[in-house]
Protein backbone atom coordinates (compact mmCIF):
# COMPACT_ATOMS: atom_id res chain seq x y z
CA UNK A 1 0.00 0.00 0.00
CA UNK A 2 1.36 3.44 -0.95
CA UNK A 3 1.19 6.31 1.48
CA UNK A 4 1.85 10.01 0.99
CA UNK A 5 2.16 12.40 3.89
CA UNK A 6 0.92 15.82 2.67
CA UNK A 7 0.86 17.50 6.08
CA UNK A 8 3.65 19.91 5.18
CA UNK A 9 1.76 21.01 2.08
CA UNK A 10 -1.34 22.03 4.05
CA UNK A 11 -1.98 25.35 5.78
CA UNK A 12 -3.47 24.96 9.23
CA UNK A 13 -3.25 28.63 10.18
CA UNK A 14 -6.16 30.27 11.95
CA UNK A 15 -8.84 31.98 9.93
CA UNK A 16 -7.94 35.40 8.52
CA UNK A 17 -9.34 38.49 10.25
CA UNK A 18 -10.86 41.79 9.22
CA UNK A 19 -9.77 44.79 11.25
CA UNK A 20 -12.44 47.41 11.86
CA UNK A 21 -11.80 50.26 14.29
CA UNK A 22 -8.73 48.45 15.68
CA UNK A 23 -10.82 45.37 16.53
CA UNK A 24 -10.20 42.02 14.86
CA UNK A 25 -13.08 40.01 13.40
CA UNK A 26 -12.46 36.43 12.19
CA UNK A 27 -13.57 35.39 8.71
CA UNK A 28 -14.65 31.83 7.94
CA UNK A 29 -12.21 30.67 5.27
CA UNK A 30 -12.64 26.91 5.41
CA UNK A 31 -13.02 25.03 2.12
CA UNK A 32 -16.74 24.31 2.57
CA UNK A 33 -17.56 27.96 3.17
CA UNK A 34 -15.49 29.11 0.20
CA UNK A 35 -17.12 26.53 -2.08
CA UNK A 36 -20.59 27.72 -1.00
CA UNK A 37 -19.46 31.30 -1.60
CA UNK A 38 -18.14 30.48 -5.07
CA UNK A 39 -21.44 28.84 -5.94
CA UNK A 40 -23.27 31.92 -4.69
CA UNK A 41 -21.24 34.41 -6.73
CA UNK A 42 -21.14 32.28 -9.88
CA UNK A 43 -24.91 32.33 -10.28
CA UNK A 44 -25.97 33.71 -13.66
CA UNK A 45 -28.50 36.11 -12.12
CA UNK A 46 -25.72 38.25 -10.71
CA UNK A 47 -24.85 39.10 -7.11
CA UNK A 48 -28.07 40.41 -5.50
CA UNK A 49 -28.70 42.13 -2.17
CA UNK A 50 -29.93 38.80 -0.83
CA UNK A 51 -26.62 37.24 -1.93
CA UNK A 52 -24.70 39.91 -0.03
CA UNK A 53 -26.62 39.02 3.12
CA UNK A 54 -26.06 35.29 2.53
CA UNK A 55 -22.33 35.87 1.98
CA UNK A 56 -22.24 37.96 5.19
CA UNK A 57 -23.81 35.08 7.11
CA UNK A 58 -21.51 32.49 5.50
CA UNK A 59 -18.26 34.38 5.98
CA UNK A 60 -18.67 35.87 9.42
CA UNK A 61 -19.50 33.93 12.59
CA UNK A 62 -22.67 34.92 14.44
CA UNK A 63 -20.75 36.63 17.26
CA UNK A 64 -18.78 38.69 14.72
CA UNK A 65 -21.95 39.70 12.85
CA UNK A 66 -23.56 40.72 16.12
CA UNK A 67 -20.60 42.95 17.01
CA UNK A 68 -20.49 44.49 13.53
CA UNK A 69 -24.25 45.10 13.57
CA UNK A 70 -23.82 47.09 16.79
CA UNK A 71 -21.56 49.50 14.87
CA UNK A 72 -24.63 50.81 13.03
CA UNK A 73 -23.03 50.43 9.60
CA UNK A 74 -24.66 51.53 6.35
CA UNK A 75 -25.49 49.18 3.49
CA UNK A 76 -22.51 50.56 1.58
CA UNK A 77 -20.25 49.73 4.55
CA UNK A 78 -21.78 46.24 4.78
CA UNK A 79 -20.93 45.71 1.13
CA UNK A 80 -17.32 46.77 1.75
CA UNK A 81 -17.09 44.36 4.70
CA UNK A 82 -18.52 41.46 2.67
CA UNK A 83 -16.21 42.16 -0.28
CA UNK A 84 -13.16 42.31 2.00
CA UNK A 85 -14.22 39.11 3.79
CA UNK A 86 -14.68 37.40 0.40
CA UNK A 87 -11.19 38.51 -0.62
CA UNK A 88 -9.71 37.16 2.62
CA UNK A 89 -11.56 33.85 2.35
CA UNK A 90 -10.45 33.28 -1.24
CA UNK A 91 -6.90 34.51 -0.65
CA UNK A 92 -7.29 37.58 -2.87
CA UNK A 93 -6.00 40.48 -0.76
CA UNK A 94 -5.05 42.74 -3.66
CA UNK A 95 -6.54 46.24 -3.84
CA UNK A 96 -9.23 45.96 -1.14
CA UNK A 97 -7.23 44.11 1.45
CA UNK A 98 -4.08 44.66 3.37
CA UNK A 99 -1.97 41.73 4.57
CA UNK A 100 -0.79 42.07 8.13
C-alpha atoms as a PDB file:
ATOM      1  CA  UNK A   1       0.000   0.000   0.000  1.00  0.00           C
ATOM      2  CA  UNK A   2       1.361   3.439  -0.947  1.00  0.00           C
ATOM      3  CA  UNK A   3       1.185   6.310   1.479  1.00  0.00           C
ATOM      4  CA  UNK A   4       1.846  10.014   0.992  1.00  0.00           C
ATOM      5  CA  UNK A   5       2.161  12.400   3.887  1.00  0.00           C
ATOM      6  CA  UNK A   6       0.920  15.820   2.672  1.00  0.00           C
ATOM      7  CA  UNK A   7       0.857  17.495   6.078  1.00  0.00           C
ATOM      8  CA  UNK A   8       3.650  19.909   5.178  1.00  0.00           C
ATOM      9  CA  UNK A   9       1.759  21.013   2.076  1.00  0.00           C
ATOM     10  CA  UNK A  10      -1.341  22.028   4.050  1.00  0.00           C
ATOM     11  CA  UNK A  11      -1.977  25.346   5.779  1.00  0.00           C
ATOM     12  CA  UNK A  12      -3.465  24.956   9.226  1.00  0.00           C
ATOM     13  CA  UNK A  13      -3.250  28.626  10.180  1.00  0.00           C
ATOM     14  CA  UNK A  14      -6.159  30.272  11.947  1.00  0.00           C
ATOM     15  CA  UNK A  15      -8.835  31.978   9.929  1.00  0.00           C
ATOM     16  CA  UNK A  16      -7.942  35.401   8.523  1.00  0.00           C
ATOM     17  CA  UNK A  17      -9.342  38.486  10.246  1.00  0.00           C
ATOM     18  CA  UNK A  18     -10.861  41.790   9.218  1.00  0.00           C
ATOM     19  CA  UNK A  19      -9.772  44.788  11.252  1.00  0.00           C
ATOM     20  CA  UNK A  20     -12.444  47.413  11.855  1.00  0.00           C
ATOM     21  CA  UNK A  21     -11.802  50.257  14.291  1.00  0.00           C
ATOM     22  CA  UNK A  22      -8.733  48.455  15.683  1.00  0.00           C
ATOM     23  CA  UNK A  23     -10.821  45.368  16.526  1.00  0.00           C
ATOM     24  CA  UNK A  24     -10.199  42.017  14.857  1.00  0.00           C
ATOM     25  CA  UNK A  25     -13.083  40.014  13.400  1.00  0.00           C
ATOM     26  CA  UNK A  26     -12.462  36.434  12.192  1.00  0.00           C
ATOM     27  CA  UNK A  27     -13.571  35.395   8.709  1.00  0.00           C
ATOM     28  CA  UNK A  28     -14.653  31.832   7.945  1.00  0.00           C
ATOM     29  CA  UNK A  29     -12.211  30.666   5.269  1.00  0.00           C
ATOM     30  CA  UNK A  30     -12.643  26.910   5.407  1.00  0.00           C
ATOM     31  CA  UNK A  31     -13.023  25.035   2.124  1.00  0.00           C
ATOM     32  CA  UNK A  32     -16.741  24.308   2.571  1.00  0.00           C
ATOM     33  CA  UNK A  33     -17.562  27.963   3.166  1.00  0.00           C
ATOM     34  CA  UNK A  34     -15.492  29.112   0.200  1.00  0.00           C
ATOM     35  CA  UNK A  35     -17.122  26.528  -2.082  1.00  0.00           C
ATOM     36  CA  UNK A  36     -20.586  27.721  -1.004  1.00  0.00           C
ATOM     37  CA  UNK A  37     -19.462  31.297  -1.599  1.00  0.00           C
ATOM     38  CA  UNK A  38     -18.141  30.477  -5.075  1.00  0.00           C
ATOM     39  CA  UNK A  39     -21.444  28.836  -5.939  1.00  0.00           C
ATOM     40  CA  UNK A  40     -23.269  31.923  -4.690  1.00  0.00           C
ATOM     41  CA  UNK A  41     -21.241  34.410  -6.732  1.00  0.00           C
ATOM     42  CA  UNK A  42     -21.144  32.283  -9.879  1.00  0.00           C
ATOM     43  CA  UNK A  43     -24.911  32.330 -10.282  1.00  0.00           C
ATOM     44  CA  UNK A  44     -25.970  33.707 -13.660  1.00  0.00           C
ATOM     45  CA  UNK A  45     -28.497  36.108 -12.123  1.00  0.00           C
ATOM     46  CA  UNK A  46     -25.719  38.253 -10.705  1.00  0.00           C
ATOM     47  CA  UNK A  47     -24.852  39.100  -7.111  1.00  0.00           C
ATOM     48  CA  UNK A  48     -28.069  40.405  -5.496  1.00  0.00           C
ATOM     49  CA  UNK A  49     -28.701  42.134  -2.174  1.00  0.00           C
ATOM     50  CA  UNK A  50     -29.932  38.798  -0.832  1.00  0.00           C
ATOM     51  CA  UNK A  51     -26.625  37.235  -1.931  1.00  0.00           C
ATOM     52  CA  UNK A  52     -24.703  39.914  -0.025  1.00  0.00           C
ATOM     53  CA  UNK A  53     -26.622  39.015   3.119  1.00  0.00           C
ATOM     54  CA  UNK A  54     -26.056  35.290   2.533  1.00  0.00           C
ATOM     55  CA  UNK A  55     -22.329  35.873   1.981  1.00  0.00           C
ATOM     56  CA  UNK A  56     -22.242  37.964   5.187  1.00  0.00           C
ATOM     57  CA  UNK A  57     -23.806  35.076   7.107  1.00  0.00           C
ATOM     58  CA  UNK A  58     -21.505  32.488   5.501  1.00  0.00           C
ATOM     59  CA  UNK A  59     -18.257  34.376   5.975  1.00  0.00           C
ATOM     60  CA  UNK A  60     -18.674  35.868   9.425  1.00  0.00           C
ATOM     61  CA  UNK A  61     -19.501  33.931  12.587  1.00  0.00           C
ATOM     62  CA  UNK A  62     -22.674  34.915  14.440  1.00  0.00           C
ATOM     63  CA  UNK A  63     -20.750  36.628  17.261  1.00  0.00           C
ATOM     64  CA  UNK A  64     -18.782  38.694  14.724  1.00  0.00           C
ATOM     65  CA  UNK A  65     -21.953  39.699  12.852  1.00  0.00           C
ATOM     66  CA  UNK A  66     -23.562  40.722  16.125  1.00  0.00           C
ATOM     67  CA  UNK A  67     -20.601  42.950  17.009  1.00  0.00           C
ATOM     68  CA  UNK A  68     -20.492  44.490  13.526  1.00  0.00           C
ATOM     69  CA  UNK A  69     -24.252  45.096  13.567  1.00  0.00           C
ATOM     70  CA  UNK A  70     -23.817  47.095  16.792  1.00  0.00           C
ATOM     71  CA  UNK A  71     -21.558  49.502  14.868  1.00  0.00           C
ATOM     72  CA  UNK A  72     -24.626  50.806  13.032  1.00  0.00           C
ATOM     73  CA  UNK A  73     -23.033  50.428   9.603  1.00  0.00           C
ATOM     74  CA  UNK A  74     -24.658  51.533   6.350  1.00  0.00           C
ATOM     75  CA  UNK A  75     -25.491  49.179   3.491  1.00  0.00           C
ATOM     76  CA  UNK A  76     -22.511  50.557   1.580  1.00  0.00           C
ATOM     77  CA  UNK A  77     -20.253  49.730   4.545  1.00  0.00           C
ATOM     78  CA  UNK A  78     -21.776  46.241   4.783  1.00  0.00           C
ATOM     79  CA  UNK A  79     -20.929  45.715   1.128  1.00  0.00           C
ATOM     80  CA  UNK A  80     -17.318  46.774   1.755  1.00  0.00           C
ATOM     81  CA  UNK A  81     -17.094  44.358   4.700  1.00  0.00           C
ATOM     82  CA  UNK A  82     -18.520  41.465   2.673  1.00  0.00           C
ATOM     83  CA  UNK A  83     -16.210  42.159  -0.276  1.00  0.00           C
ATOM     84  CA  UNK A  84     -13.156  42.315   2.005  1.00  0.00           C
ATOM     85  CA  UNK A  85     -14.224  39.106   3.786  1.00  0.00           C
ATOM     86  CA  UNK A  86     -14.679  37.396   0.403  1.00  0.00           C
ATOM     87  CA  UNK A  87     -11.190  38.506  -0.623  1.00  0.00           C
ATOM     88  CA  UNK A  88      -9.713  37.157   2.622  1.00  0.00           C
ATOM     89  CA  UNK A  89     -11.565  33.850   2.348  1.00  0.00           C
ATOM     90  CA  UNK A  90     -10.451  33.283  -1.237  1.00  0.00           C
ATOM     91  CA  UNK A  91      -6.901  34.510  -0.648  1.00  0.00           C
ATOM     92  CA  UNK A  92      -7.287  37.581  -2.867  1.00  0.00           C
ATOM     93  CA  UNK A  93      -5.996  40.481  -0.761  1.00  0.00           C
ATOM     94  CA  UNK A  94      -5.048  42.740  -3.663  1.00  0.00           C
ATOM     95  CA  UNK A  95      -6.538  46.242  -3.840  1.00  0.00           C
ATOM     96  CA  UNK A  96      -9.228  45.965  -1.144  1.00  0.00           C
ATOM     97  CA  UNK A  97      -7.228  44.109   1.452  1.00  0.00           C
ATOM     98  CA  UNK A  98      -4.077  44.663   3.374  1.00  0.00           C
ATOM     99  CA  UNK A  99      -1.972  41.734   4.569  1.00  0.00           C
ATOM    100  CA  UNK A 100      -0.788  42.065   8.127  1.00  0.00           C
END
